[in-house]
Protein backbone atom coordinates (compact mmCIF):
# COMPACT_ATOMS: atom_id res chain seq x y z
CA MET A 1 17.66 -22.15 6.89
CA GLU A 2 13.89 -22.11 6.40
CA LEU A 3 13.30 -20.41 9.74
CA TRP A 4 15.87 -17.71 9.02
CA ILE A 5 14.19 -16.91 5.71
CA ILE A 6 10.81 -16.64 7.46
CA LEU A 7 12.23 -14.33 10.11
CA LEU A 8 13.79 -12.09 7.41
CA ILE A 9 10.42 -11.90 5.69
CA VAL A 10 8.75 -11.00 9.05
CA VAL A 11 11.17 -8.12 9.57
CA VAL A 12 10.55 -6.70 6.08
CA ALA A 13 6.77 -7.17 6.32
CA ALA A 14 6.47 -5.70 9.86
CA THR A 15 8.67 -2.71 8.90
CA THR A 16 6.42 -2.05 5.91
CA GLN A 17 3.20 -2.12 7.92
CA SER A 18 4.60 -0.04 10.74
CA ALA A 19 5.82 2.58 8.27
CA ILE A 20 2.86 2.95 5.92
CA GLY A 21 -0.10 1.41 7.76
CA PHE A 22 -0.37 -1.87 5.94
CA GLY A 23 1.76 -4.51 4.27
CA LEU A 24 2.37 -7.28 6.87
CA ALA A 25 0.15 -9.85 5.04
CA VAL A 26 0.73 -8.33 1.59
CA VAL A 27 4.49 -8.79 1.90
CA PHE A 28 4.62 -11.89 4.24
CA THR A 29 2.04 -14.17 2.67
CA PRO A 30 3.11 -14.37 -0.95
CA LEU A 31 6.84 -14.68 0.01
CA ALA A 32 6.22 -17.12 2.83
CA THR A 33 4.23 -19.41 0.55
CA LEU A 34 7.45 -19.94 -1.38
CA VAL A 35 8.99 -21.43 1.76
CA VAL A 36 6.10 -23.14 3.58
CA GLY A 37 2.66 -24.24 2.54
CA ALA A 38 0.00 -21.62 1.69
CA GLN A 39 -2.33 -22.48 4.56
CA GLU A 40 0.52 -22.33 7.11
CA ALA A 41 1.75 -18.97 5.72
CA ILE A 42 -1.73 -17.44 5.78
CA ALA A 43 -2.49 -18.68 9.27
CA THR A 44 0.88 -17.47 10.60
CA SER A 45 0.24 -14.12 8.98
CA MET A 46 -3.07 -13.84 10.79
CA LEU A 47 -1.48 -14.44 14.20
CA LEU A 48 1.38 -12.10 13.51
CA ALA A 49 -1.16 -9.45 12.52
CA VAL A 50 -2.81 -9.62 15.95
CA VAL A 51 0.40 -8.77 17.77
CA LEU A 52 1.65 -6.18 15.32
CA SER A 53 -1.71 -4.44 14.89
CA VAL A 54 -2.32 -4.00 18.61
CA ALA A 55 1.20 -2.75 19.11
CA THR A 56 1.15 -0.21 16.22
CA TYR A 57 -2.20 1.12 17.29
CA ALA A 58 -1.13 1.48 20.88
CA GLU A 59 2.12 3.37 20.14
CA HIS A 60 0.93 5.52 17.17
CA ARG A 61 0.01 9.21 17.80
CA PRO A 62 -2.46 10.58 17.11
CA ARG A 63 -4.66 7.52 17.28
CA ALA A 64 -7.65 7.15 14.94
CA SER A 65 -11.01 6.48 16.62
CA LEU A 66 -12.00 2.85 16.88
CA ARG A 67 -15.62 4.05 16.91
CA ASP A 68 -15.17 5.69 13.48
CA ILE A 69 -13.62 2.60 12.03
CA ALA A 70 -16.22 0.22 13.57
CA PRO A 71 -18.56 -0.11 10.57
CA LEU A 72 -15.63 -1.10 8.39
CA GLY A 73 -14.17 -3.44 10.97
CA LEU A 74 -17.45 -5.13 11.95
CA ALA A 75 -18.25 -5.87 8.28
CA ALA A 76 -14.78 -7.39 7.88
CA VAL A 77 -15.17 -9.56 10.98
CA ALA A 78 -18.57 -10.78 9.81
CA ALA A 79 -17.17 -11.78 6.39
CA THR A 80 -14.00 -13.42 7.72
CA PRO A 81 -15.53 -16.92 8.16
CA LEU A 82 -16.44 -17.01 4.45
CA GLY A 83 -12.77 -16.46 3.62
CA ILE A 84 -11.65 -19.07 6.10
CA LEU A 85 -14.06 -21.55 4.49
CA ALA A 86 -12.30 -20.83 1.21
CA LEU A 87 -8.96 -21.27 2.87
CA THR A 88 -9.85 -24.76 4.14
CA ARG A 89 -11.39 -25.91 0.83
CA PHE A 90 -8.93 -24.61 -1.81
CA ASP A 91 -5.67 -26.24 -2.73
CA GLU A 92 -2.40 -24.38 -2.34
CA THR A 93 -2.05 -23.41 -6.03
CA SER A 94 -5.52 -21.96 -6.05
CA LEU A 95 -4.76 -19.99 -2.92
CA ARG A 96 -1.59 -18.55 -4.41
CA VAL A 97 -3.53 -17.49 -7.50
CA LEU A 98 -6.17 -15.95 -5.22
CA VAL A 99 -3.48 -14.04 -3.25
CA GLY A 100 -1.97 -12.75 -6.51
CA THR A 101 -5.27 -11.72 -7.96
CA ALA A 102 -6.36 -9.85 -4.86
CA VAL A 103 -3.13 -7.93 -4.73
CA LEU A 104 -3.06 -7.25 -8.49
CA ILE A 105 -6.57 -5.81 -8.42
CA GLY A 106 -5.43 -3.33 -5.75
CA ALA A 107 -2.30 -2.42 -7.65
CA VAL A 108 -4.09 -1.83 -10.97
CA SER A 109 -6.83 0.20 -9.25
CA THR A 110 -4.23 2.39 -7.52
CA LEU A 111 -2.35 2.87 -10.76
CA THR A 112 -5.39 3.92 -12.83
CA ARG A 113 -6.73 6.35 -10.27
CA GLY A 114 -5.91 9.99 -10.86
CA ALA A 115 -4.86 12.63 -8.36
CA PRO A 116 -6.66 12.13 -5.01
CA SER A 117 -9.61 14.36 -4.29
CA GLU A 118 -11.43 14.35 -0.93
CA ARG A 119 -14.81 12.57 -0.81
CA ALA A 120 -17.32 12.07 1.89
CA GLU A 121 -17.50 8.58 3.43
CA ARG A 122 -20.74 6.68 2.73
CA LEU A 123 -21.89 3.92 5.07
CA PRO A 124 -23.07 1.41 2.39
CA VAL A 125 -19.78 1.75 0.57
CA THR A 126 -17.83 1.44 3.81
CA ILE A 127 -19.66 -1.73 4.70
CA ALA A 128 -19.16 -3.25 1.26
CA VAL A 129 -15.45 -2.58 1.41
CA GLY A 130 -15.35 -4.13 4.91
CA LEU A 131 -17.05 -7.28 3.59
CA VAL A 132 -14.51 -7.64 0.72
CA GLY A 133 -11.67 -7.06 3.17
CA GLY A 134 -13.01 -9.69 5.53
CA VAL A 135 -13.33 -12.32 2.87
CA ALA A 136 -9.94 -11.56 1.53
CA ARG A 137 -8.44 -11.71 5.03
CA GLY A 138 -10.00 -15.07 5.83
CA ALA A 139 -8.90 -16.61 2.52
CA THR A 140 -5.57 -14.98 1.97
CA SER A 141 -4.78 -13.11 5.27
CA MET A 142 -4.70 -9.90 3.13
CA GLY A 143 -7.57 -7.75 4.33
CA GLY A 144 -5.71 -4.52 3.64
CA PRO A 145 -5.59 -3.80 -0.12
CA ALA A 146 -9.35 -3.12 -0.46
CA VAL A 147 -9.36 -0.87 2.55
CA VAL A 148 -6.21 1.00 1.51
CA LEU A 149 -7.74 1.57 -1.93
CA TYR A 150 -10.87 2.89 -0.26
CA GLN A 151 -8.88 5.31 1.85
CA HIS A 152 -7.13 6.58 -1.28
CA TRP A 153 -10.46 6.86 -3.04
CA LEU A 154 -11.71 9.04 -0.15
CA GLY A 155 -8.74 11.31 -0.77
CA ARG A 156 -7.19 10.94 2.67
CA PRO A 157 -3.62 12.19 3.26
CA ALA A 158 -0.88 9.72 4.14
CA ASP A 159 -1.03 10.37 7.89
CA ALA A 160 -4.78 9.82 8.00
CA ILE A 161 -4.60 6.62 5.90
CA ARG A 162 -1.85 5.24 8.16
CA GLY A 163 -3.80 6.03 11.30
CA ASN A 164 -7.05 4.61 9.97
CA MET A 165 -5.29 1.43 8.86
CA PHE A 166 -3.70 0.93 12.25
CA ALA A 167 -7.15 1.27 13.89
CA TYR A 168 -8.76 -1.01 11.33
CA PHE A 169 -6.25 -3.79 11.74
CA ALA A 170 -6.26 -3.61 15.48
CA PHE A 171 -10.14 -3.79 15.49
CA LEU A 172 -10.27 -6.57 12.91
CA SER A 173 -7.45 -8.73 14.19
CA VAL A 174 -8.60 -8.80 17.79
CA LEU A 175 -12.33 -9.38 17.11
CA SER A 176 -11.67 -12.05 14.42
CA LEU A 177 -9.12 -13.96 16.42
CA PRO A 178 -11.72 -16.38 17.87
CA VAL A 179 -13.10 -16.99 14.40
CA VAL A 180 -9.65 -17.69 13.05
CA TRP A 181 -8.72 -19.93 16.04
CA PHE A 182 -11.82 -22.10 15.84
CA GLY A 183 -11.69 -22.14 12.05
CA GLY A 184 -9.21 -25.01 12.23
CA VAL A 185 -6.29 -23.31 10.48
CA ILE A 186 -4.14 -22.56 13.61
CA THR A 187 -1.89 -25.60 14.05
CA ASP A 188 1.10 -26.23 16.35
CA ASP A 189 3.47 -25.26 13.59
CA VAL A 190 1.69 -21.93 13.19
CA VAL A 191 1.95 -21.20 16.91
CA ARG A 192 5.64 -22.12 16.91
CA ASN A 193 6.17 -19.78 13.89
CA LEU A 194 4.53 -16.95 15.82
CA LEU A 195 6.68 -17.44 19.00
CA ALA A 196 9.87 -17.68 16.94
CA ALA A 197 8.95 -14.51 14.95
CA LEU A 198 8.21 -12.24 17.95
CA PRO A 199 11.81 -10.67 18.04
CA ALA A 200 11.66 -10.15 14.28
CA LEU A 201 8.23 -8.55 14.62
CA ALA A 202 9.54 -6.13 17.28
CA ALA A 203 12.51 -5.15 15.16
CA GLY A 204 10.16 -4.43 12.19
CA LEU A 205 7.87 -2.34 14.44
CA LEU A 206 10.71 -0.12 15.60
CA ALA A 207 12.27 0.15 12.11
CA GLY A 208 8.88 1.18 10.62
CA ARG A 209 8.27 3.75 13.42
CA TRP A 210 11.62 5.34 12.58
CA LEU A 211 10.72 5.48 8.88
CA ARG A 212 7.27 7.10 9.32
CA GLY A 213 8.47 10.56 9.87
CA ARG A 214 11.01 10.32 7.06
CA LEU A 215 8.64 9.20 4.32
CA PRO A 216 7.49 12.13 2.07
CA GLU A 217 3.84 12.33 1.19
CA ARG A 218 4.52 12.00 -2.56
CA TRP A 219 6.29 8.70 -1.97
CA PHE A 220 3.45 7.15 0.05
CA ARG A 221 1.27 6.40 -2.99
CA ARG A 222 4.21 5.16 -5.08
CA ILE A 223 5.35 2.80 -2.40
CA THR A 224 1.76 1.54 -2.01
CA LEU A 225 1.57 0.75 -5.70
CA ALA A 226 5.01 -0.85 -5.88
CA LEU A 227 4.26 -3.00 -2.87
CA LEU A 228 0.98 -4.29 -4.30
CA ALA A 229 2.42 -4.96 -7.74
CA GLY A 230 5.59 -6.60 -6.50
CA THR A 231 3.90 -9.00 -4.16
CA SER A 232 1.37 -9.84 -6.84
CA VAL A 233 4.14 -10.96 -9.10
CA ALA A 234 5.65 -13.03 -6.27
CA ALA A 235 2.33 -14.68 -5.60
CA PHE A 236 1.76 -15.66 -9.27
CA GLY A 237 5.32 -16.88 -9.44
CA GLY A 238 4.70 -19.15 -6.44
CA ALA A 239 1.50 -20.47 -8.01
CA LEU A 240 3.31 -21.23 -11.28
CA ALA A 241 6.10 -23.01 -9.45
CA SER A 242 3.61 -25.06 -7.50
CA ALA A 243 1.68 -26.02 -10.61
CA LEU A 244 4.75 -27.22 -12.51
């Protein structure tokens, strides 16, 4: 039963990321922590992200430039070890609170921001966002919310945000894989989870690809907010259940 629940979560999480550009970790990690331990859920999410990120970037057209996303990605890779250190030092309840807090910040920020207006990208801000995303990814597997918020702040349309997020996750997941692997969080159980989840991951990728062209621009922002807020509530619920 536990495996079937995990596979169902993988399908929903992969569909979400494939459709809107992010959401694998945001959906998978808080929900999976209700079924397995927080460290196992986070580490499994990181391995799943490698496969899904490379696949979505390879099949998406038009592709965003990896060179353009490099400052953001390199900063995130550099900061990932700090997050992994937190992952190996914190207890599960603390990690669930951290997950919920990270997602809630993204949801509130998105909610309070007015209508998007286009802004020029600035390198110092880009690097700072990448650092925050890297720490969050290492600690909670969720490196996306800060970057998605930044893309909305820049005033990018949905197609551009989606393409940039595909490029960012492909860049980050591949380059940070050695850091994650040697960080001591990839266990035999995590590898087995990945292998069992591959068919579910493929199903989610195809479902999300079908949804992309059918998602109106006006709904993109609303779904982003609902996703962030909903998973934040799930994460805090898991932390409360663990503490009781």
